[in-house]
Amino acid sequence: MPRCSTLHLDLAMQKNIYSYEQTAALLLIEGYPDLSASHGNDAISILSAWRLQIIGAPELEGTCEHLEALMTVVMPYARHCLSGVRRRFGATDSFVSISPNGSGAGHQLELRSSRDEVEPLQINLDDADLADLVQCLDLLRLDERVKLAWTIPADHPLKRREIMDRIPLQHRLVAPVFGSLALGATVAIAMIQPLPLTHEEATLQLSTPAAETIQPTVKQ
């Protein structure tokens, strides 16, 4: 299956345009089918252009590699956020990176051009914006008409350490501390309360005659 390609195009080939729209995001892709690979006329095997519109942000466009980089960092970042793990995805020198806002609310998407003279573009997203962006990218990834083989890392369960790190230390210590206190209280009560008599001890106690009570004699 072809990946991002720069093959020479036959001008007679049909150009296809598909859009994926949500409330806050609109993704459009343009491309051509690869008829030599027996793809239908409605397929996109060669991506020629894409545009992304996010409410409140400039329109984005770039190469196939840029779009793939966007999918590679945004989708796993969103999955980690759903699990309560908020951390940066994407290197500082990569095309795309995304990280939690320093204020603790929202997300900052940063895009870098392949041209050194162009400053990085930063876009602030709230949770609804991020959800709409992920939905558009997911619709593109699952679209059977798009025959590009995206090299997006497969989803894996989060590591135990990643999940544990999201829980504050004081919350992690509550269960062990209360467990130790409960165990200590149980042991203390067991030491104070006398043990019940065994069957042999109970039988021996019943067979022993009770001591007679001697009443003093009073002389008249």
C-alpha atoms as a PDB file:
ATOM      1  CA  MET A   1       0.000   0.000   0.000  1.00  0.00           C
ATOM      2  CA  PRO A   2       1.512   3.352  -0.984  1.00  0.00           C
ATOM      3  CA  ARG A   3       2.594   5.820   1.651  1.00  0.00           C
ATOM      4  CA  CYS A   4       3.044   9.564   1.263  1.00  0.00           C
ATOM      5  CA  SER A   5       4.161   9.783  -2.336  1.00  0.00           C
ATOM      6  CA  THR A   6       5.383  12.331  -4.840  1.00  0.00           C
ATOM      7  CA  LEU A   7       4.706  10.260  -7.942  1.00  0.00           C
ATOM      8  CA  HIS A   8       4.272  12.029 -11.261  1.00  0.00           C
ATOM      9  CA  LEU A   9       0.583  12.465 -11.982  1.00  0.00           C
ATOM     10  CA  ASP A  10      -1.307  11.889 -15.157  1.00  0.00           C
ATOM     11  CA  LEU A  11      -3.330  15.038 -15.769  1.00  0.00           C
ATOM     12  CA  ALA A  12      -6.177  12.880 -17.017  1.00  0.00           C
ATOM     13  CA  MET A  13      -6.592  11.248 -13.614  1.00  0.00           C
ATOM     14  CA  GLN A  14      -9.576  12.196 -11.527  1.00  0.00           C
ATOM     15  CA  LYS A  15      -8.889  14.449  -8.539  1.00  0.00           C
ATOM     16  CA  ASN A  16     -10.784  13.538  -5.391  1.00  0.00           C
ATOM     17  CA  ILE A  17     -11.565  15.857  -2.488  1.00  0.00           C
ATOM     18  CA  TYR A  18     -12.924  14.582   0.831  1.00  0.00           C
ATOM     19  CA  SER A  19     -13.847  16.506   3.942  1.00  0.00           C
ATOM     20  CA  TYR A  20     -14.228  15.507   7.583  1.00  0.00           C
ATOM     21  CA  GLU A  21     -16.170  18.035   9.600  1.00  0.00           C
ATOM     22  CA  GLN A  22     -16.943  18.511  13.278  1.00  0.00           C
ATOM     23  CA  THR A  23     -18.210  21.515  15.217  1.00  0.00           C
ATOM     24  CA  ALA A  24     -14.824  23.182  15.758  1.00  0.00           C
ATOM     25  CA  ALA A  25     -12.681  21.539  13.060  1.00  0.00           C
ATOM     26  CA  LEU A  26     -12.782  20.886   9.321  1.00  0.00           C
ATOM     27  CA  LEU A  27     -10.219  18.723   7.528  1.00  0.00           C
ATOM     28  CA  LEU A  28     -10.054  18.593   3.723  1.00  0.00           C
ATOM     29  CA  ILE A  29      -7.774  16.321   1.718  1.00  0.00           C
ATOM     30  CA  GLU A  30      -7.113  16.218  -2.020  1.00  0.00           C
ATOM     31  CA  GLY A  31      -5.488  13.490  -4.040  1.00  0.00           C
ATOM     32  CA  TYR A  32      -5.549  11.027  -6.896  1.00  0.00           C
ATOM     33  CA  PRO A  33      -6.126   7.296  -7.246  1.00  0.00           C
ATOM     34  CA  ASP A  34      -3.355   4.937  -8.227  1.00  0.00           C
ATOM     35  CA  LEU A  35      -4.984   3.060 -11.073  1.00  0.00           C
ATOM     36  CA  SER A  36      -1.924   0.860 -11.520  1.00  0.00           C
ATOM     37  CA  ALA A  37      -2.666  -0.586  -8.057  1.00  0.00           C
ATOM     38  CA  SER A  38      -6.249  -1.371  -9.102  1.00  0.00           C
ATOM     39  CA  HIS A  39      -7.657   1.330  -6.826  1.00  0.00           C
ATOM     40  CA  GLY A  40     -11.062   2.691  -7.757  1.00  0.00           C
ATOM     41  CA  ASN A  41     -11.602   6.123  -9.237  1.00  0.00           C
ATOM     42  CA  ASP A  42     -12.891   7.384  -5.893  1.00  0.00           C
ATOM     43  CA  ALA A  43      -9.706   6.418  -4.020  1.00  0.00           C
ATOM     44  CA  ILE A  44      -6.890   8.685  -2.860  1.00  0.00           C
ATOM     45  CA  SER A  45      -3.591   6.878  -3.180  1.00  0.00           C
ATOM     46  CA  ILE A  46      -1.488   9.980  -3.788  1.00  0.00           C
ATOM     47  CA  LEU A  47      -2.124  12.893  -1.424  1.00  0.00           C
ATOM     48  CA  SER A  48      -1.610  16.226  -3.175  1.00  0.00           C
ATOM     49  CA  ALA A  49      -2.829  18.685  -0.524  1.00  0.00           C
ATOM     50  CA  TRP A  50      -4.657  18.997   2.780  1.00  0.00           C
ATOM     51  CA  ARG A  51      -6.118  21.863   4.774  1.00  0.00           C
ATOM     52  CA  LEU A  52      -7.217  22.043   8.383  1.00  0.00           C
ATOM     53  CA  GLN A  53      -9.480  24.730   9.784  1.00  0.00           C
ATOM     54  CA  ILE A  54      -9.875  25.093  13.549  1.00  0.00           C
ATOM     55  CA  ILE A  55     -12.184  27.774  14.932  1.00  0.00           C
ATOM     56  CA  GLY A  56     -10.151  30.739  16.133  1.00  0.00           C
ATOM     57  CA  ALA A  57      -6.913  29.624  14.442  1.00  0.00           C
ATOM     58  CA  PRO A  58      -5.276  30.245  11.049  1.00  0.00           C
ATOM     59  CA  GLU A  59      -5.882  27.686   8.317  1.00  0.00           C
ATOM     60  CA  LEU A  60      -3.211  24.985   8.295  1.00  0.00           C
ATOM     61  CA  GLU A  61      -1.788  23.181   5.296  1.00  0.00           C
ATOM     62  CA  GLY A  62       1.326  21.249   4.421  1.00  0.00           C
ATOM     63  CA  THR A  63       2.709  18.056   2.978  1.00  0.00           C
ATOM     64  CA  CYS A  64       1.633  14.492   3.592  1.00  0.00           C
ATOM     65  CA  GLU A  65       4.452  14.136   6.124  1.00  0.00           C
ATOM     66  CA  HIS A  66       3.086  17.097   8.091  1.00  0.00           C
ATOM     67  CA  LEU A  67      -0.373  15.539   8.233  1.00  0.00           C
ATOM     68  CA  GLU A  68       1.063  12.220   9.352  1.00  0.00           C
ATOM     69  CA  ALA A  69       3.085  13.978  12.062  1.00  0.00           C
ATOM     70  CA  LEU A  70      -0.093  15.693  13.269  1.00  0.00           C
ATOM     71  CA  MET A  71      -1.898  12.374  13.580  1.00  0.00           C
ATOM     72  CA  THR A  72       1.080  10.699  15.247  1.00  0.00           C
ATOM     73  CA  VAL A  73       1.192  13.110  18.195  1.00  0.00           C
ATOM     74  CA  VAL A  74      -2.419  14.309  18.594  1.00  0.00           C
ATOM     75  CA  MET A  75      -4.161  10.951  18.718  1.00  0.00           C
ATOM     76  CA  PRO A  76      -2.012   9.271  21.419  1.00  0.00           C
ATOM     77  CA  TYR A  77      -1.971  12.535  23.383  1.00  0.00           C
ATOM     78  CA  ALA A  78      -5.780  12.561  23.468  1.00  0.00           C
ATOM     79  CA  ARG A  79      -5.874   8.909  24.523  1.00  0.00           C
ATOM     80  CA  HIS A  80      -3.521   9.623  27.431  1.00  0.00           C
ATOM     81  CA  CYS A  81      -5.629  12.625  28.457  1.00  0.00           C
ATOM     82  CA  LEU A  82      -8.713  10.404  28.641  1.00  0.00           C
ATOM     83  CA  SER A  83      -6.786   8.171  31.063  1.00  0.00           C
ATOM     84  CA  GLY A  84      -5.815  11.154  33.196  1.00  0.00           C
ATOM     85  CA  VAL A  85      -2.179  11.201  32.024  1.00  0.00           C
ATOM     86  CA  ARG A  86      -1.280  14.658  30.732  1.00  0.00           C
ATOM     87  CA  ARG A  87       2.162  14.892  29.159  1.00  0.00           C
ATOM     88  CA  ARG A  88       3.863  16.305  26.087  1.00  0.00           C
ATOM     89  CA  PHE A  89       3.918  14.432  22.784  1.00  0.00           C
ATOM     90  CA  GLY A  90       6.317  15.356  19.992  1.00  0.00           C
ATOM     91  CA  ALA A  91       9.941  16.452  20.139  1.00  0.00           C
ATOM     92  CA  THR A  92      10.912  20.106  20.236  1.00  0.00           C
ATOM     93  CA  ASP A  93      12.384  19.850  16.726  1.00  0.00           C
ATOM     94  CA  SER A  94       9.567  17.830  15.127  1.00  0.00           C
ATOM     95  CA  PHE A  95       6.902  19.205  12.791  1.00  0.00           C
ATOM     96  CA  VAL A  96       4.174  18.931  15.446  1.00  0.00           C
ATOM     97  CA  SER A  97       4.034  18.768  19.228  1.00  0.00           C
ATOM     98  CA  ILE A  98       1.216  19.066  21.725  1.00  0.00           C
ATOM     99  CA  SER A  99       1.300  19.527  25.477  1.00  0.00           C
ATOM    100  CA  PRO A 100      -0.933  20.622  28.355  1.00  0.00           C
ATOM    101  CA  ASN A 101      -1.178  24.359  28.882  1.00  0.00           C
ATOM    102  CA  GLY A 102       0.941  25.685  31.701  1.00  0.00           C
ATOM    103  CA  SER A 103      -2.188  27.024  33.396  1.00  0.00           C
ATOM    104  CA  GLY A 104      -3.451  23.464  33.777  1.00  0.00           C
ATOM    105  CA  ALA A 105      -6.505  23.918  31.523  1.00  0.00           C
ATOM    106  CA  GLY A 106      -6.541  23.303  27.781  1.00  0.00           C
ATOM    107  CA  HIS A 107      -3.856  22.187  25.366  1.00  0.00           C
ATOM    108  CA  GLN A 108      -1.208  23.878  23.244  1.00  0.00           C
ATOM    109  CA  LEU A 109      -0.642  22.627  19.714  1.00  0.00           C
ATOM    110  CA  GLU A 110       2.635  23.787  18.172  1.00  0.00           C
ATOM    111  CA  LEU A 111       3.444  23.435  14.463  1.00  0.00           C
ATOM    112  CA  ARG A 112       6.801  24.084  12.868  1.00  0.00           C
ATOM    113  CA  SER A 113       7.553  24.738   9.237  1.00  0.00           C
ATOM    114  CA  SER A 114      10.356  22.997   7.353  1.00  0.00           C
ATOM    115  CA  ARG A 115      11.641  26.510   6.516  1.00  0.00           C
ATOM    116  CA  ASP A 116      13.883  27.999   9.178  1.00  0.00           C
ATOM    117  CA  GLU A 117      12.702  31.580   8.632  1.00  0.00           C
ATOM    118  CA  VAL A 118       9.103  30.708   9.606  1.00  0.00           C
ATOM    119  CA  GLU A 119       8.311  30.996  13.310  1.00  0.00           C
ATOM    120  CA  PRO A 120       6.444  28.112  14.997  1.00  0.00           C
ATOM    121  CA  LEU A 121       2.694  28.496  15.169  1.00  0.00           C
ATOM    122  CA  GLN A 122       1.015  27.919  18.540  1.00  0.00           C
ATOM    123  CA  ILE A 123      -2.694  27.133  18.796  1.00  0.00           C
ATOM    124  CA  ASN A 124      -4.547  26.896  22.097  1.00  0.00           C
ATOM    125  CA  LEU A 125      -7.271  24.253  22.214  1.00  0.00           C
ATOM    126  CA  ASP A 126      -9.885  23.515  24.826  1.00  0.00           C
ATOM    127  CA  ASP A 127     -11.170  20.003  25.431  1.00  0.00           C
ATOM    128  CA  ALA A 128     -13.984  20.372  22.890  1.00  0.00           C
ATOM    129  CA  ASP A 129     -11.578  21.616  20.193  1.00  0.00           C
ATOM    130  CA  LEU A 130      -9.226  18.706  20.844  1.00  0.00           C
ATOM    131  CA  ALA A 131     -12.081  16.203  20.712  1.00  0.00           C
ATOM    132  CA  ASP A 132     -13.283  17.570  17.349  1.00  0.00           C
ATOM    133  CA  LEU A 133      -9.757  17.541  15.922  1.00  0.00           C
ATOM    134  CA  VAL A 134      -9.227  13.934  17.002  1.00  0.00           C
ATOM    135  CA  GLN A 135     -12.577  12.956  15.508  1.00  0.00           C
ATOM    136  CA  CYS A 136     -11.615  14.456  12.130  1.00  0.00           C
ATOM    137  CA  LEU A 137      -8.254  12.694  12.131  1.00  0.00           C
ATOM    138  CA  ASP A 138      -9.864   9.415  13.142  1.00  0.00           C
ATOM    139  CA  LEU A 139     -12.431   9.668  10.351  1.00  0.00           C
ATOM    140  CA  LEU A 140      -9.590  10.192   7.878  1.00  0.00           C
ATOM    141  CA  ARG A 141      -7.628   7.252   9.266  1.00  0.00           C
ATOM    142  CA  LEU A 142     -10.621   4.919   9.010  1.00  0.00           C
ATOM    143  CA  ASP A 143     -11.795   6.111   5.591  1.00  0.00           C
ATOM    144  CA  GLU A 144     -11.463   3.120   3.255  1.00  0.00           C
ATOM    145  CA  ARG A 145     -11.296   5.422   0.232  1.00  0.00           C
ATOM    146  CA  VAL A 146      -7.944   6.776   1.433  1.00  0.00           C
ATOM    147  CA  LYS A 147      -5.341   4.175   0.514  1.00  0.00           C
ATOM    148  CA  LEU A 148      -2.387   5.738   2.325  1.00  0.00           C
ATOM    149  CA  ALA A 149      -0.550   3.556   4.838  1.00  0.00           C
ATOM    150  CA  TRP A 150      -0.192   5.809   7.855  1.00  0.00           C
ATOM    151  CA  THR A 151       2.742   4.973  10.116  1.00  0.00           C
ATOM    152  CA  ILE A 152       0.891   5.797  13.318  1.00  0.00           C
ATOM    153  CA  PRO A 153       2.029   3.888  16.421  1.00  0.00           C
ATOM    154  CA  ALA A 154      -0.400   1.192  17.461  1.00  0.00           C
ATOM    155  CA  ASP A 155      -2.451   1.753  20.591  1.00  0.00           C
ATOM    156  CA  HIS A 156      -1.048  -0.021  23.643  1.00  0.00           C
ATOM    157  CA  PRO A 157      -2.328  -0.125  27.230  1.00  0.00           C
ATOM    158  CA  LEU A 158      -0.791   2.561  29.399  1.00  0.00           C
ATOM    159  CA  LYS A 159       2.112   1.454  31.558  1.00  0.00           C
ATOM    160  CA  ARG A 160       1.415   0.946  35.248  1.00  0.00           C
ATOM    161  CA  ARG A 161       3.882   3.703  36.151  1.00  0.00           C
ATOM    162  CA  GLU A 162       2.080   6.195  33.874  1.00  0.00           C
ATOM    163  CA  ILE A 163      -1.210   5.474  35.611  1.00  0.00           C
ATOM    164  CA  MET A 164       0.312   5.605  39.104  1.00  0.00           C
ATOM    165  CA  ASP A 165       2.069   8.912  38.435  1.00  0.00           C
ATOM    166  CA  ARG A 166      -1.250  10.652  37.844  1.00  0.00           C
ATOM    167  CA  ILE A 167      -2.348   9.897  41.447  1.00  0.00           C
ATOM    168  CA  PRO A 168      -0.937  12.314  44.060  1.00  0.00           C
ATOM    169  CA  LEU A 169       1.419  10.715  46.563  1.00  0.00           C
ATOM    170  CA  GLN A 170      -0.833  11.473  49.543  1.00  0.00           C
ATOM    171  CA  HIS A 171      -3.723   9.669  47.855  1.00  0.00           C
ATOM    172  CA  ARG A 172      -1.554   6.657  47.102  1.00  0.00           C
ATOM    173  CA  LEU A 173      -0.555   6.425  50.785  1.00  0.00           C
ATOM    174  CA  VAL A 174      -4.102   6.549  52.172  1.00  0.00           C
ATOM    175  CA  ALA A 175      -4.950   2.887  51.536  1.00  0.00           C
ATOM    176  CA  PRO A 176      -1.703   1.409  52.965  1.00  0.00           C
ATOM    177  CA  VAL A 177      -1.836   3.643  56.063  1.00  0.00           C
ATOM    178  CA  PHE A 178      -5.466   2.823  56.862  1.00  0.00           C
ATOM    179  CA  GLY A 179      -4.784  -0.841  56.168  1.00  0.00           C
ATOM    180  CA  SER A 180      -1.912  -0.854  58.667  1.00  0.00           C
ATOM    181  CA  LEU A 181      -4.037   0.924  61.306  1.00  0.00           C
ATOM    182  CA  ALA A 182      -6.883  -1.555  60.845  1.00  0.00           C
ATOM    183  CA  LEU A 183      -4.493  -4.493  61.178  1.00  0.00           C
ATOM    184  CA  GLY A 184      -2.935  -3.024  64.312  1.00  0.00           C
ATOM    185  CA  ALA A 185      -6.354  -2.465  65.896  1.00  0.00           C
ATOM    186  CA  THR A 186      -7.410  -6.034  65.134  1.00  0.00           C
ATOM    187  CA  VAL A 187      -4.255  -7.455  66.731  1.00  0.00           C
ATOM    188  CA  ALA A 188      -4.686  -5.275  69.835  1.00  0.00           C
ATOM    189  CA  ILE A 189      -8.300  -6.406  70.342  1.00  0.00           C
ATOM    190  CA  ALA A 190      -7.300 -10.042  69.900  1.00  0.00           C
ATOM    191  CA  MET A 191      -4.596  -9.719  72.559  1.00  0.00           C
ATOM    192  CA  ILE A 192      -6.989  -8.140  75.115  1.00  0.00           C
ATOM    193  CA  GLN A 193      -9.900 -10.539  74.632  1.00  0.00           C
ATOM    194  CA  PRO A 194      -9.353 -13.940  76.391  1.00  0.00           C
ATOM    195  CA  LEU A 195      -9.346 -17.021  74.234  1.00  0.00           C
ATOM    196  CA  PRO A 196     -12.381 -19.347  74.536  1.00  0.00           C
ATOM    197  CA  LEU A 197     -11.954 -22.580  76.536  1.00  0.00           C
ATOM    198  CA  THR A 198     -11.220 -25.720  74.642  1.00  0.00           C
ATOM    199  CA  HIS A 199     -13.554 -28.709  74.916  1.00  0.00           C
ATOM    200  CA  GLU A 200     -11.219 -30.512  77.319  1.00  0.00           C
ATOM    201  CA  GLU A 201     -10.867 -27.446  79.554  1.00  0.00           C
ATOM    202  CA  ALA A 202     -14.623 -26.910  79.664  1.00  0.00           C
ATOM    203  CA  THR A 203     -15.239 -30.597  80.576  1.00  0.00           C
ATOM    204  CA  LEU A 204     -12.637 -30.489  83.372  1.00  0.00           C
ATOM    205  CA  GLN A 205     -14.162 -27.335  84.831  1.00  0.00           C
ATOM    206  CA  LEU A 206     -17.646 -28.889  84.938  1.00  0.00           C
ATOM    207  CA  SER A 207     -16.389 -32.093  86.623  1.00  0.00           C
ATOM    208  CA  THR A 208     -14.549 -30.271  89.460  1.00  0.00           C
ATOM    209  CA  PRO A 209     -16.828 -29.930  92.602  1.00  0.00           C
ATOM    210  CA  ALA A 210     -17.443 -26.417  93.745  1.00  0.00           C
ATOM    211  CA  ALA A 211     -15.793 -25.401  96.997  1.00  0.00           C
ATOM    212  CA  GLU A 212     -18.168 -25.401  99.987  1.00  0.00           C
ATOM    213  CA  THR A 213     -18.828 -22.084 101.598  1.00  0.00           C
ATOM    214  CA  ILE A 214     -18.067 -22.168 105.379  1.00  0.00           C
ATOM    215  CA  GLN A 215     -20.311 -19.977 107.400  1.00  0.00           C
ATOM    216  CA  PRO A 216     -18.878 -18.712 110.694  1.00  0.00           C
ATOM    217  CA  THR A 217     -20.648 -19.952 113.890  1.00  0.00           C
ATOM    218  CA  VAL A 218     -21.834 -17.259 116.212  1.00  0.00           C
ATOM    219  CA  LYS A 219     -21.971 -18.297 119.906  1.00  0.00           C
ATOM    220  CA  GLN A 220     -24.866 -17.109 121.978  1.00  0.00           C
END
